[in-house]
Amino acid sequence: MANPSSRHRREPGYGHWRWQRISAVITLILMVYFTYLMASLGPLNYLEARSFVATPHQGMALGLLVIVGLFHAALGVQMIIEDYVPFANGRLVLVMMARAVFVTASLVSLVAVGVIMGWV
């Protein structure tokens, strides 16, 4: 008799579901971290905010938040498209366009963080 938990791994959509949950947890943890940090720092002017992001651990955490948050958003948009676009060809085109938008946003955001940190 097969292991009941292995049955779920073979079902279509399980990987998508699992990554949606994993990225949600990571995004939540990072958002709580940055919310607490920003509330404890108080108001910052531009130069103070820029130097805050330039510290290695804050910049890397912000980059991770950007990547994981946009990955989570891309999975959610893909699910919306797959659920509500009636034509298979239209779904594929829209999913590919959405992925391109999210990849572009991720790259631009990472380059911005890299510039602030002095890496680019």
PDB file of N, CA and C in Angstrom:
ATOM      1  N   MET A   1       0.847  -1.182   0.000  1.00  0.00           N
ATOM      2  CA  MET A   1       0.000   0.000   0.000  1.00  0.00           C
ATOM      3  C   MET A   1       0.890   1.242   0.000  1.00  0.00           C
ATOM      4  N   ALA A   2       0.547   2.194  -0.826  1.00  0.00           N
ATOM      5  CA  ALA A   2       1.346   3.409  -0.964  1.00  0.00           C
ATOM      6  C   ALA A   2       1.160   4.323   0.239  1.00  0.00           C
ATOM      7  N   ASN A   3       2.188   5.072   0.494  1.00  0.00           N
ATOM      8  CA  ASN A   3       2.136   6.064   1.560  1.00  0.00           C
ATOM      9  C   ASN A   3       1.107   7.135   1.191  1.00  0.00           C
ATOM     10  N   PRO A   4       0.148   7.458   2.085  1.00  0.00           N
ATOM     11  CA  PRO A   4      -0.881   8.450   1.729  1.00  0.00           C
ATOM     12  C   PRO A   4      -0.308   9.821   1.410  1.00  0.00           C
ATOM     13  N   SER A   5       0.792  10.202   2.036  1.00  0.00           N
ATOM     14  CA  SER A   5       1.350  11.520   1.755  1.00  0.00           C
ATOM     15  C   SER A   5       2.008  11.575   0.377  1.00  0.00           C
ATOM     16  N   SER A   6       2.474  10.447  -0.152  1.00  0.00           N
ATOM     17  CA  SER A   6       3.091  10.448  -1.477  1.00  0.00           C
ATOM     18  C   SER A   6       2.044  10.640  -2.564  1.00  0.00           C
ATOM     19  N   ARG A   7       0.799  10.290  -2.272  1.00  0.00           N
ATOM     20  CA  ARG A   7      -0.279  10.470  -3.241  1.00  0.00           C
ATOM     21  C   ARG A   7      -0.433  11.953  -3.577  1.00  0.00           C
ATOM     22  N   HIS A   8      -0.301  12.842  -2.589  1.00  0.00           N
ATOM     23  CA  HIS A   8      -0.479  14.271  -2.828  1.00  0.00           C
ATOM     24  C   HIS A   8       0.614  14.835  -3.716  1.00  0.00           C
ATOM     25  N   ARG A   9       1.802  14.297  -3.651  1.00  0.00           N
ATOM     26  CA  ARG A   9       2.903  14.811  -4.463  1.00  0.00           C
ATOM     27  C   ARG A   9       2.696  14.528  -5.945  1.00  0.00           C
ATOM     28  N   ARG A  10       1.884  13.553  -6.277  1.00  0.00           N
ATOM     29  CA  ARG A  10       1.657  13.216  -7.685  1.00  0.00           C
ATOM     30  C   ARG A  10       0.477  13.977  -8.273  1.00  0.00           C
ATOM     31  N   GLU A  11      -0.330  14.615  -7.445  1.00  0.00           N
ATOM     32  CA  GLU A  11      -1.492  15.333  -7.956  1.00  0.00           C
ATOM     33  C   GLU A  11      -1.050  16.605  -8.668  1.00  0.00           C
ATOM     34  N   PRO A  12      -1.704  16.916  -9.807  1.00  0.00           N
ATOM     35  CA  PRO A  12      -1.329  18.148 -10.515  1.00  0.00           C
ATOM     36  C   PRO A  12      -1.653  19.365  -9.651  1.00  0.00           C
ATOM     37  N   GLY A  13      -0.749  20.314  -9.651  1.00  0.00           N
ATOM     38  CA  GLY A  13      -0.969  21.533  -8.882  1.00  0.00           C
ATOM     39  C   GLY A  13      -0.412  21.498  -7.474  1.00  0.00           C
ATOM     40  N   TYR A  14       0.062  20.323  -7.015  1.00  0.00           N
ATOM     41  CA  TYR A  14       0.584  20.243  -5.652  1.00  0.00           C
ATOM     42  C   TYR A  14       1.830  21.108  -5.482  1.00  0.00           C
ATOM     43  N   GLY A  15       2.724  21.075  -6.456  1.00  0.00           N
ATOM     44  CA  GLY A  15       3.939  21.881  -6.370  1.00  0.00           C
ATOM     45  C   GLY A  15       3.622  23.368  -6.318  1.00  0.00           C
ATOM     46  N   HIS A  16       2.671  23.790  -7.154  1.00  0.00           N
ATOM     47  CA  HIS A  16       2.252  25.195  -7.163  1.00  0.00           C
ATOM     48  C   HIS A  16       1.688  25.572  -5.795  1.00  0.00           C
ATOM     49  N   TRP A  17       0.834  24.740  -5.261  1.00  0.00           N
ATOM     50  CA  TRP A  17       0.219  24.974  -3.950  1.00  0.00           C
ATOM     51  C   TRP A  17       1.294  25.070  -2.867  1.00  0.00           C
ATOM     52  N   ARG A  18       2.237  24.123  -2.889  1.00  0.00           N
ATOM     53  CA  ARG A  18       3.292  24.093  -1.878  1.00  0.00           C
ATOM     54  C   ARG A  18       4.147  25.353  -1.947  1.00  0.00           C
ATOM     55  N   TRP A  19       4.564  25.765  -3.160  1.00  0.00           N
ATOM     56  CA  TRP A  19       5.392  26.961  -3.289  1.00  0.00           C
ATOM     57  C   TRP A  19       4.624  28.223  -2.914  1.00  0.00           C
ATOM     58  N   GLN A  20       3.334  28.245  -3.168  1.00  0.00           N
ATOM     59  CA  GLN A  20       2.510  29.392  -2.760  1.00  0.00           C
ATOM     60  C   GLN A  20       2.534  29.529  -1.244  1.00  0.00           C
ATOM     61  N   ARG A  21       2.423  28.409  -0.530  1.00  0.00           N
ATOM     62  CA  ARG A  21       2.428  28.441   0.943  1.00  0.00           C
ATOM     63  C   ARG A  21       3.807  28.791   1.496  1.00  0.00           C
ATOM     64  N   ILE A  22       4.852  28.210   0.918  1.00  0.00           N
ATOM     65  CA  ILE A  22       6.215  28.489   1.388  1.00  0.00           C
ATOM     66  C   ILE A  22       6.551  29.963   1.183  1.00  0.00           C
ATOM     67  N   SER A  23       6.257  30.484   0.009  1.00  0.00           N
ATOM     68  CA  SER A  23       6.569  31.891  -0.257  1.00  0.00           C
ATOM     69  C   SER A  23       5.718  32.824   0.600  1.00  0.00           C
ATOM     70  N   ALA A  24       4.497  32.422   0.928  1.00  0.00           N
ATOM     71  CA  ALA A  24       3.651  33.240   1.802  1.00  0.00           C
ATOM     72  C   ALA A  24       4.257  33.338   3.200  1.00  0.00           C
ATOM     73  N   VAL A  25       4.742  32.242   3.723  1.00  0.00           N
ATOM     74  CA  VAL A  25       5.333  32.244   5.066  1.00  0.00           C
ATOM     75  C   VAL A  25       6.603  33.091   5.094  1.00  0.00           C
ATOM     76  N   ILE A  26       7.466  32.929   4.093  1.00  0.00           N
ATOM     77  CA  ILE A  26       8.709  33.702   4.050  1.00  0.00           C
ATOM     78  C   ILE A  26       8.408  35.194   3.893  1.00  0.00           C
ATOM     79  N   THR A  27       7.463  35.529   3.015  1.00  0.00           N
ATOM     80  CA  THR A  27       7.079  36.931   2.827  1.00  0.00           C
ATOM     81  C   THR A  27       6.509  37.509   4.112  1.00  0.00           C
ATOM     82  N   LEU A  28       5.672  36.749   4.799  1.00  0.00           N
ATOM     83  CA  LEU A  28       5.096  37.226   6.048  1.00  0.00           C
ATOM     84  C   LEU A  28       6.179  37.502   7.092  1.00  0.00           C
ATOM     85  N   ILE A  29       7.112  36.579   7.238  1.00  0.00           N
ATOM     86  CA  ILE A  29       8.195  36.760   8.212  1.00  0.00           C
ATOM     87  C   ILE A  29       9.011  38.013   7.887  1.00  0.00           C
ATOM     88  N   LEU A  30       9.379  38.186   6.616  1.00  0.00           N
ATOM     89  CA  LEU A  30      10.171  39.356   6.231  1.00  0.00           C
ATOM     90  C   LEU A  30       9.384  40.653   6.374  1.00  0.00           C
ATOM     91  N   MET A  31       8.082  40.631   6.069  1.00  0.00           N
ATOM     92  CA  MET A  31       7.266  41.835   6.227  1.00  0.00           C
ATOM     93  C   MET A  31       7.125  42.214   7.695  1.00  0.00           C
ATOM     94  N   VAL A  32       6.940  41.234   8.570  1.00  0.00           N
ATOM     95  CA  VAL A  32       6.867  41.519  10.008  1.00  0.00           C
ATOM     96  C   VAL A  32       8.194  42.100  10.481  1.00  0.00           C
ATOM     97  N   TYR A  33       9.300  41.523  10.028  1.00  0.00           N
ATOM     98  CA  TYR A  33      10.626  42.012  10.390  1.00  0.00           C
ATOM     99  C   TYR A  33      10.805  43.475   9.985  1.00  0.00           C
ATOM    100  N   PHE A  34      10.517  43.800   8.716  1.00  0.00           N
ATOM    101  CA  PHE A  34      10.702  45.168   8.251  1.00  0.00           C
ATOM    102  C   PHE A  34       9.706  46.130   8.882  1.00  0.00           C
ATOM    103  N   THR A  35       8.490  45.693   9.132  1.00  0.00           N
ATOM    104  CA  THR A  35       7.513  46.558   9.796  1.00  0.00           C
ATOM    105  C   THR A  35       7.976  46.900  11.205  1.00  0.00           C
ATOM    106  N   TYR A  36       8.425  45.896  11.951  1.00  0.00           N
ATOM    107  CA  TYR A  36       8.933  46.143  13.300  1.00  0.00           C
ATOM    108  C   TYR A  36      10.155  47.052  13.251  1.00  0.00           C
ATOM    109  N   LEU A  37      11.056  46.774  12.323  1.00  0.00           N
ATOM    110  CA  LEU A  37      12.280  47.558  12.216  1.00  0.00           C
ATOM    111  C   LEU A  37      11.975  49.012  11.877  1.00  0.00           C
ATOM    112  N   MET A  38      11.101  49.246  10.923  1.00  0.00           N
ATOM    113  CA  MET A  38      10.776  50.610  10.518  1.00  0.00           C
ATOM    114  C   MET A  38      10.040  51.347  11.632  1.00  0.00           C
ATOM    115  N   ALA A  39       9.159  50.648  12.358  1.00  0.00           N
ATOM    116  CA  ALA A  39       8.453  51.288  13.465  1.00  0.00           C
ATOM    117  C   ALA A  39       9.418  51.653  14.591  1.00  0.00           C
ATOM    118  N   SER A  40      10.429  50.832  14.818  1.00  0.00           N
ATOM    119  CA  SER A  40      11.375  51.111  15.895  1.00  0.00           C
ATOM    120  C   SER A  40      12.374  52.203  15.512  1.00  0.00           C
ATOM    121  N   LEU A  41      12.633  52.395  14.216  1.00  0.00           N
ATOM    122  CA  LEU A  41      13.578  53.418  13.778  1.00  0.00           C
ATOM    123  C   LEU A  41      12.970  54.822  13.772  1.00  0.00           C
ATOM    124  N   GLY A  42      11.690  54.887  13.513  1.00  0.00           N
ATOM    125  CA  GLY A  42      11.060  56.195  13.404  1.00  0.00           C
ATOM    126  C   GLY A  42      11.239  56.766  12.015  1.00  0.00           C
ATOM    127  N   PRO A  43      10.884  58.042  11.846  1.00  0.00           N
ATOM    128  CA  PRO A  43      10.982  58.643  10.513  1.00  0.00           C
ATOM    129  C   PRO A  43      12.445  58.814  10.090  1.00  0.00           C
ATOM    130  N   LEU A  44      12.702  58.529   8.829  1.00  0.00           N
ATOM    131  CA  LEU A  44      14.043  58.667   8.266  1.00  0.00           C
ATOM    132  C   LEU A  44      13.987  59.611   7.076  1.00  0.00           C
ATOM    133  N   ASN A  45      15.027  60.416   6.917  1.00  0.00           N
ATOM    134  CA  ASN A  45      15.109  61.200   5.688  1.00  0.00           C
ATOM    135  C   ASN A  45      15.726  60.309   4.601  1.00  0.00           C
ATOM    136  N   TYR A  46      15.875  60.857   3.421  1.00  0.00           N
ATOM    137  CA  TYR A  46      16.349  60.060   2.287  1.00  0.00           C
ATOM    138  C   TYR A  46      17.724  59.452   2.539  1.00  0.00           C
ATOM    139  N   LEU A  47      18.661  60.256   3.025  1.00  0.00           N
ATOM    140  CA  LEU A  47      20.025  59.757   3.240  1.00  0.00           C
ATOM    141  C   LEU A  47      20.066  58.697   4.332  1.00  0.00           C
ATOM    142  N   GLU A  48      19.279  58.867   5.393  1.00  0.00           N
ATOM    143  CA  GLU A  48      19.234  57.866   6.461  1.00  0.00           C
ATOM    144  C   GLU A  48      18.627  56.558   5.958  1.00  0.00           C
ATOM    145  N   ALA A  49      17.558  56.663   5.170  1.00  0.00           N
ATOM    146  CA  ALA A  49      16.925  55.459   4.615  1.00  0.00           C
ATOM    147  C   ALA A  49      17.878  54.745   3.656  1.00  0.00           C
ATOM    148  N   ARG A  50      18.585  55.526   2.869  1.00  0.00           N
ATOM    149  CA  ARG A  50      19.539  54.935   1.925  1.00  0.00           C
ATOM    150  C   ARG A  50      20.681  54.229   2.654  1.00  0.00           C
ATOM    151  N   SER A  51      21.194  54.824   3.716  1.00  0.00           N
ATOM    152  CA  SER A  51      22.266  54.172   4.471  1.00  0.00           C
ATOM    153  C   SER A  51      21.746  52.948   5.223  1.00  0.00           C
ATOM    154  N   PHE A  52      20.475  52.979   5.620  1.00  0.00           N
ATOM    155  CA  PHE A  52      19.862  51.805   6.262  1.00  0.00           C
ATOM    156  C   PHE A  52      19.836  50.630   5.293  1.00  0.00           C
ATOM    157  N   VAL A  53      19.402  50.877   4.061  1.00  0.00           N
ATOM    158  CA  VAL A  53      19.328  49.803   3.059  1.00  0.00           C
ATOM    159  C   VAL A  53      20.723  49.369   2.638  1.00  0.00           C
ATOM    160  N   ALA A  54      21.698  50.270   2.734  1.00  0.00           N
ATOM    161  CA  ALA A  54      23.064  49.952   2.297  1.00  0.00           C
ATOM    162  C   ALA A  54      23.779  48.988   3.231  1.00  0.00           C
ATOM    163  N   THR A  55      23.293  48.811   4.456  1.00  0.00           N
ATOM    164  CA  THR A  55      23.939  47.837   5.340  1.00  0.00           C
ATOM    165  C   THR A  55      23.708  46.444   4.760  1.00  0.00           C
ATOM    166  N   PRO A  56      24.725  45.598   4.773  1.00  0.00           N
ATOM    167  CA  PRO A  56      24.624  44.313   4.073  1.00  0.00           C
ATOM    168  C   PRO A  56      23.428  43.444   4.500  1.00  0.00           C
ATOM    169  N   HIS A  57      23.204  43.272   5.784  1.00  0.00           N
ATOM    170  CA  HIS A  57      22.121  42.365   6.175  1.00  0.00           C
ATOM    171  C   HIS A  57      20.748  42.955   5.865  1.00  0.00           C
ATOM    172  N   GLN A  58      20.587  44.278   5.949  1.00  0.00           N
ATOM    173  CA  GLN A  58      19.290  44.882   5.606  1.00  0.00           C
ATOM    174  C   GLN A  58      19.061  44.840   4.094  1.00  0.00           C
ATOM    175  N   GLY A  59      20.095  45.135   3.330  1.00  0.00           N
ATOM    176  CA  GLY A  59      19.969  45.098   1.870  1.00  0.00           C
ATOM    177  C   GLY A  59      19.681  43.705   1.355  1.00  0.00           C
ATOM    178  N   MET A  60      20.352  42.715   1.933  1.00  0.00           N
ATOM    179  CA  MET A  60      20.106  41.330   1.496  1.00  0.00           C
ATOM    180  C   MET A  60      18.706  40.875   1.906  1.00  0.00           C
ATOM    181  N   ALA A  61      18.261  41.269   3.095  1.00  0.00           N
ATOM    182  CA  ALA A  61      16.905  40.914   3.517  1.00  0.00           C
ATOM    183  C   ALA A  61      15.868  41.591   2.628  1.00  0.00           C
ATOM    184  N   LEU A  62      16.124  42.842   2.246  1.00  0.00           N
ATOM    185  CA  LEU A  62      15.211  43.544   1.347  1.00  0.00           C
ATOM    186  C   LEU A  62      15.196  42.894  -0.033  1.00  0.00           C
ATOM    187  N   GLY A  63      16.358  42.501  -0.527  1.00  0.00           N
ATOM    188  CA  GLY A  63      16.417  41.789  -1.810  1.00  0.00           C
ATOM    189  C   GLY A  63      15.670  40.471  -1.762  1.00  0.00           C
ATOM    190  N   LEU A  64      15.812  39.745  -0.660  1.00  0.00           N
ATOM    191  CA  LEU A  64      15.081  38.492  -0.496  1.00  0.00           C
ATOM    192  C   LEU A  64      13.576  38.734  -0.439  1.00  0.00           C
ATOM    193  N   LEU A  65      13.176  39.797   0.263  1.00  0.00           N
ATOM    194  CA  LEU A  65      11.753  40.139   0.323  1.00  0.00           C
ATOM    195  C   LEU A  65      11.208  40.449  -1.068  1.00  0.00           C
ATOM    196  N   VAL A  66      11.973  41.173  -1.865  1.00  0.00           N
ATOM    197  CA  VAL A  66      11.550  41.505  -3.224  1.00  0.00           C
ATOM    198  C   VAL A  66      11.383  40.233  -4.054  1.00  0.00           C
ATOM    199  N   ILE A  67      12.379  39.366  -4.014  1.00  0.00           N
ATOM    200  CA  ILE A  67      12.325  38.144  -4.818  1.00  0.00           C
ATOM    201  C   ILE A  67      11.165  37.248  -4.389  1.00  0.00           C
ATOM    202  N   VAL A  68      11.091  36.964  -3.102  1.00  0.00           N
ATOM    203  CA  VAL A  68      10.063  36.038  -2.619  1.00  0.00           C
ATOM    204  C   VAL A  68       8.671  36.660  -2.736  1.00  0.00           C
ATOM    205  N   GLY A  69       8.559  37.948  -2.429  1.00  0.00           N
ATOM    206  CA  GLY A  69       7.256  38.610  -2.530  1.00  0.00           C
ATOM    207  C   GLY A  69       6.733  38.640  -3.955  1.00  0.00           C
ATOM    208  N   LEU A  70       7.597  38.962  -4.903  1.00  0.00           N
ATOM    209  CA  LEU A  70       7.161  38.982  -6.303  1.00  0.00           C
ATOM    210  C   LEU A  70       6.926  37.571  -6.843  1.00  0.00           C
ATOM    211  N   PHE A  71       7.691  36.594  -6.373  1.00  0.00           N
ATOM    212  CA  PHE A  71       7.442  35.201  -6.753  1.00  0.00           C
ATOM    213  C   PHE A  71       6.062  34.766  -6.249  1.00  0.00           C
ATOM    214  N   HIS A  72       5.751  35.128  -5.001  1.00  0.00           N
ATOM    215  CA  HIS A  72       4.446  34.804  -4.424  1.00  0.00           C
ATOM    216  C   HIS A  72       3.326  35.485  -5.224  1.00  0.00           C
ATOM    217  N   ALA A  73       3.537  36.744  -5.574  1.00  0.00           N
ATOM    218  CA  ALA A  73       2.542  37.471  -6.362  1.00  0.00           C
ATOM    219  C   ALA A  73       2.357  36.841  -7.735  1.00  0.00           C
ATOM    220  N   ALA A  74       3.462  36.416  -8.364  1.00  0.00           N
ATOM    221  CA  ALA A  74       3.379  35.787  -9.687  1.00  0.00           C
ATOM    222  C   ALA A  74       2.579  34.487  -9.625  1.00  0.00           C
ATOM    223  N   LEU A  75       2.785  33.701  -8.566  1.00  0.00           N
ATOM    224  CA  LEU A  75       2.002  32.467  -8.416  1.00  0.00           C
ATOM    225  C   LEU A  75       0.526  32.777  -8.245  1.00  0.00           C
ATOM    226  N   GLY A  76       0.225  33.810  -7.473  1.00  0.00           N
ATOM    227  CA  GLY A  76      -1.175  34.197  -7.274  1.00  0.00           C
ATOM    228  C   GLY A  76      -1.827  34.683  -8.553  1.00  0.00           C
ATOM    229  N   VAL A  77      -1.116  35.507  -9.321  1.00  0.00           N
ATOM    230  CA  VAL A  77      -1.653  36.003 -10.591  1.00  0.00           C
ATOM    231  C   VAL A  77      -1.852  34.838 -11.561  1.00  0.00           C
ATOM    232  N   GLN A  78      -0.918  33.896 -11.567  1.00  0.00           N
ATOM    233  CA  GLN A  78      -1.069  32.723 -12.428  1.00  0.00           C
ATOM    234  C   GLN A  78      -2.341  31.957 -12.075  1.00  0.00           C
ATOM    235  N   MET A  79      -2.603  31.794 -10.788  1.00  0.00           N
ATOM    236  CA  MET A  79      -3.825  31.075 -10.375  1.00  0.00           C
ATOM    237  C   MET A  79      -5.074  31.823 -10.813  1.00  0.00           C
ATOM    238  N   ILE A  80      -5.068  33.137 -10.681  1.00  0.00           N
ATOM    239  CA  ILE A  80      -6.221  33.942 -11.114  1.00  0.00           C
ATOM    240  C   ILE A  80      -6.443  33.772 -12.610  1.00  0.00           C
ATOM    241  N   ILE A  81      -5.364  33.844 -13.384  1.00  0.00           N
ATOM    242  CA  ILE A  81      -5.489  33.680 -14.835  1.00  0.00           C
ATOM    243  C   ILE A  81      -6.013  32.294 -15.172  1.00  0.00           C
ATOM    244  N   GLU A  82      -5.453  31.263 -14.542  1.00  0.00           N
ATOM    245  CA  GLU A  82      -5.884  29.898 -14.844  1.00  0.00           C
ATOM    246  C   GLU A  82      -7.325  29.647 -14.433  1.00  0.00           C
ATOM    247  N   ASP A  83      -7.788  30.319 -13.402  1.00  0.00           N
ATOM    248  CA  ASP A  83      -9.156  30.111 -12.933  1.00  0.00           C
ATOM    249  C   ASP A  83     -10.188  30.894 -13.739  1.00  0.00           C
ATOM    250  N   TYR A  84      -9.822  32.058 -14.272  1.00  0.00           N
ATOM    251  CA  TYR A  84     -10.833  32.945 -14.842  1.00  0.00           C
ATOM    252  C   TYR A  84     -10.720  33.215 -16.333  1.00  0.00           C
ATOM    253  N   VAL A  85      -9.639  32.784 -16.981  1.00  0.00           N
ATOM    254  CA  VAL A  85      -9.538  32.964 -18.435  1.00  0.00           C
ATOM    255  C   VAL A  85     -10.035  31.683 -19.092  1.00  0.00           C
ATOM    256  N   PRO A  86     -11.105  31.780 -19.890  1.00  0.00           N
ATOM    257  CA  PRO A  86     -11.742  30.565 -20.393  1.00  0.00           C
ATOM    258  C   PRO A  86     -10.985  29.833 -21.505  1.00  0.00           C
ATOM    259  N   PHE A  87     -10.139  30.505 -22.267  1.00  0.00           N
ATOM    260  CA  PHE A  87      -9.485  29.880 -23.415  1.00  0.00           C
ATOM    261  C   PHE A  87      -8.057  29.472 -23.057  1.00  0.00           C
ATOM    262  N   ALA A  88      -7.697  28.228 -23.363  1.00  0.00           N
ATOM    263  CA  ALA A  88      -6.379  27.696 -23.002  1.00  0.00           C
ATOM    264  C   ALA A  88      -5.256  28.520 -23.630  1.00  0.00           C
ATOM    265  N   ASN A  89      -5.383  28.883 -24.906  1.00  0.00           N
ATOM    266  CA  ASN A  89      -4.337  29.677 -25.561  1.00  0.00           C
ATOM    267  C   ASN A  89      -4.189  31.038 -24.902  1.00  0.00           C
ATOM    268  N   GLY A  90      -5.284  31.649 -24.535  1.00  0.00           N
ATOM    269  CA  GLY A  90      -5.245  32.943 -23.860  1.00  0.00           C
ATOM    270  C   GLY A  90      -4.597  32.837 -22.496  1.00  0.00           C
ATOM    271  N   ARG A  91      -4.862  31.752 -21.799  1.00  0.00           N
ATOM    272  CA  ARG A  91      -4.251  31.545 -20.479  1.00  0.00           C
ATOM    273  C   ARG A  91      -2.739  31.478 -20.596  1.00  0.00           C
ATOM    274  N   LEU A  92      -2.256  30.708 -21.539  1.00  0.00           N
ATOM    275  CA  LEU A  92      -0.812  30.539 -21.688  1.00  0.00           C
ATOM    276  C   LEU A  92      -0.129  31.863 -21.996  1.00  0.00           C
ATOM    277  N   VAL A  93      -0.704  32.632 -22.907  1.00  0.00           N
ATOM    278  CA  VAL A  93      -0.116  33.926 -23.269  1.00  0.00           C
ATOM    279  C   VAL A  93      -0.118  34.863 -22.076  1.00  0.00           C
ATOM    280  N   LEU A  94      -1.229  34.931 -21.357  1.00  0.00           N
ATOM    281  CA  LEU A  94      -1.305  35.821 -20.204  1.00  0.00           C
ATOM    282  C   LEU A  94      -0.369  35.395 -19.081  1.00  0.00           C
ATOM    283  N   VAL A  95      -0.238  34.098 -18.841  1.00  0.00           N
ATOM    284  CA  VAL A  95       0.686  33.619 -17.807  1.00  0.00           C
ATOM    285  C   VAL A  95       2.117  33.984 -18.182  1.00  0.00           C
ATOM    286  N   MET A  96       2.484  33.815 -19.440  1.00  0.00           N
ATOM    287  CA  MET A  96       3.841  34.162 -19.879  1.00  0.00           C
ATOM    288  C   MET A  96       4.089  35.668 -19.773  1.00  0.00           C
ATOM    289  N   MET A  97       3.085  36.472 -20.118  1.00  0.00           N
ATOM    290  CA  MET A  97       3.230  37.923 -19.997  1.00  0.00           C
ATOM    291  C   MET A  97       3.367  38.330 -18.524  1.00  0.00           C
ATOM    292  N   ALA A  98       2.573  37.726 -17.658  1.00  0.00           N
ATOM    293  CA  ALA A  98       2.644  38.046 -16.232  1.00  0.00           C
ATOM    294  C   ALA A  98       4.007  37.659 -15.674  1.00  0.00           C
ATOM    295  N   ARG A  99       4.500  36.499 -16.057  1.00  0.00           N
ATOM    296  CA  ARG A  99       5.837  36.085 -15.599  1.00  0.00           C
ATOM    297  C   ARG A  99       6.900  37.072 -16.051  1.00  0.00           C
ATOM    298  N   ALA A 100       6.797  37.532 -17.298  1.00  0.00           N
ATOM    299  CA  ALA A 100       7.773  38.493 -17.816  1.00  0.00           C
ATOM    300  C   ALA A 100       7.728  39.790 -17.007  1.00  0.00           C
ATOM    301  N   VAL A 101       6.536  40.241 -16.673  1.00  0.00           N
ATOM    302  CA  VAL A 101       6.402  41.469 -15.876  1.00  0.00           C
ATOM    303  C   VAL A 101       7.033  41.276 -14.505  1.00  0.00           C
ATOM    304  N   PHE A 102       6.759  40.137 -13.850  1.00  0.00           N
ATOM    305  CA  PHE A 102       7.298  39.907 -12.515  1.00  0.00           C
ATOM    306  C   PHE A 102       8.818  39.691 -12.533  1.00  0.00           C
ATOM    307  N   VAL A 103       9.332  39.039 -13.548  1.00  0.00           N
ATOM    308  CA  VAL A 103      10.786  38.872 -13.665  1.00  0.00           C
ATOM    309  C   VAL A 103      11.445  40.236 -13.878  1.00  0.00           C
ATOM    310  N   THR A 104      10.864  41.049 -14.730  1.00  0.00           N
ATOM    311  CA  THR A 104      11.405  42.388 -14.974  1.00  0.00           C
ATOM    312  C   THR A 104      11.381  43.225 -13.694  1.00  0.00           C
ATOM    313  N   ALA A 105      10.262  43.193 -12.979  1.00  0.00           N
ATOM    314  CA  ALA A 105      10.163  43.941 -11.717  1.00  0.00           C
ATOM    315  C   ALA A 105      11.187  43.442 -10.702  1.00  0.00           C
ATOM    316  N   SER A 106      11.394  42.135 -10.648  1.00  0.00           N
ATOM    317  CA  SER A 106      12.390  41.577  -9.727  1.00  0.00           C
ATOM    318  C   SER A 106      13.788  42.048 -10.069  1.00  0.00           C
ATOM    319  N   LEU A 107      14.136  41.972 -11.338  1.00  0.00           N
ATOM    320  CA  LEU A 107      15.476  42.379 -11.758  1.00  0.00           C
ATOM    321  C   LEU A 107      15.726  43.864 -11.513  1.00  0.00           C
ATOM    322  N   VAL A 108      14.749  44.693 -11.859  1.00  0.00           N
ATOM    323  CA  VAL A 108      14.897  46.136 -11.644  1.00  0.00           C
ATOM    324  C   VAL A 108      15.033  46.428 -10.147  1.00  0.00           C
ATOM    325  N   SER A 109      14.242  45.770  -9.327  1.00  0.00           N
ATOM    326  CA  SER A 109      14.306  45.979  -7.876  1.00  0.00           C
ATOM    327  C   SER A 109      15.639  45.524  -7.309  1.00  0.00           C
ATOM    328  N   LEU A 110      16.124  44.375  -7.758  1.00  0.00           N
ATOM    329  CA  LEU A 110      17.410  43.888  -7.266  1.00  0.00           C
ATOM    330  C   LEU A 110      18.562  44.788  -7.700  1.00  0.00           C
ATOM    331  N   VAL A 111      18.494  45.298  -8.914  1.00  0.00           N
ATOM    332  CA  VAL A 111      19.525  46.237  -9.368  1.00  0.00           C
ATOM    333  C   VAL A 111      19.476  47.503  -8.522  1.00  0.00           C
ATOM    334  N   ALA A 112      18.278  47.991  -8.194  1.00  0.00           N
ATOM    335  CA  ALA A 112      18.148  49.190  -7.359  1.00  0.00           C
ATOM    336  C   ALA A 112      18.755  48.958  -5.979  1.00  0.00           C
ATOM    337  N   VAL A 113      18.457  47.817  -5.375  1.00  0.00           N
ATOM    338  CA  VAL A 113      19.038  47.506  -4.069  1.00  0.00           C
ATOM    339  C   VAL A 113      20.554  47.356  -4.206  1.00  0.00           C
ATOM    340  N   GLY A 114      21.011  46.719  -5.265  1.00  0.00           N
ATOM    341  CA  GLY A 114      22.438  46.561  -5.502  1.00  0.00           C
ATOM    342  C   GLY A 114      23.145  47.894  -5.674  1.00  0.00           C
ATOM    343  N   VAL A 115      22.513  48.835  -6.363  1.00  0.00           N
ATOM    344  CA  VAL A 115      23.095  50.169  -6.540  1.00  0.00           C
ATOM    345  C   VAL A 115      23.211  50.856  -5.187  1.00  0.00           C
ATOM    346  N   ILE A 116      22.184  50.774  -4.382  1.00  0.00           N
ATOM    347  CA  ILE A 116      22.210  51.411  -3.057  1.00  0.00           C
ATOM    348  C   ILE A 116      23.306  50.785  -2.189  1.00  0.00           C
ATOM    349  N   MET A 117      23.466  49.465  -2.307  1.00  0.00           N
ATOM    350  CA  MET A 117      24.481  48.786  -1.507  1.00  0.00           C
ATOM    351  C   MET A 117      25.890  48.951  -2.079  1.00  0.00           C
ATOM    352  N   GLY A 118      26.003  49.502  -3.282  1.00  0.00           N
ATOM    353  CA  GLY A 118      27.306  49.709  -3.904  1.00  0.00           C
ATOM    354  C   GLY A 118      27.827  48.482  -4.626  1.00  0.00           C
ATOM    355  N   TRP A 119      26.979  47.510  -4.916  1.00  0.00           N
ATOM    356  CA  TRP A 119      27.393  46.284  -5.594  1.00  0.00           C
ATOM    357  C   TRP A 119      27.336  46.419  -7.105  1.00  0.00           C
ATOM    358  N   VAL A 120      26.518  47.323  -7.593  1.00  0.00           N
ATOM    359  CA  VAL A 120      26.335  47.439  -9.052  1.00  0.00           C
ATOM    360  C   VAL A 120      26.918  48.752  -9.522  1.00  0.00           C
TER     361      VAL A 120
END
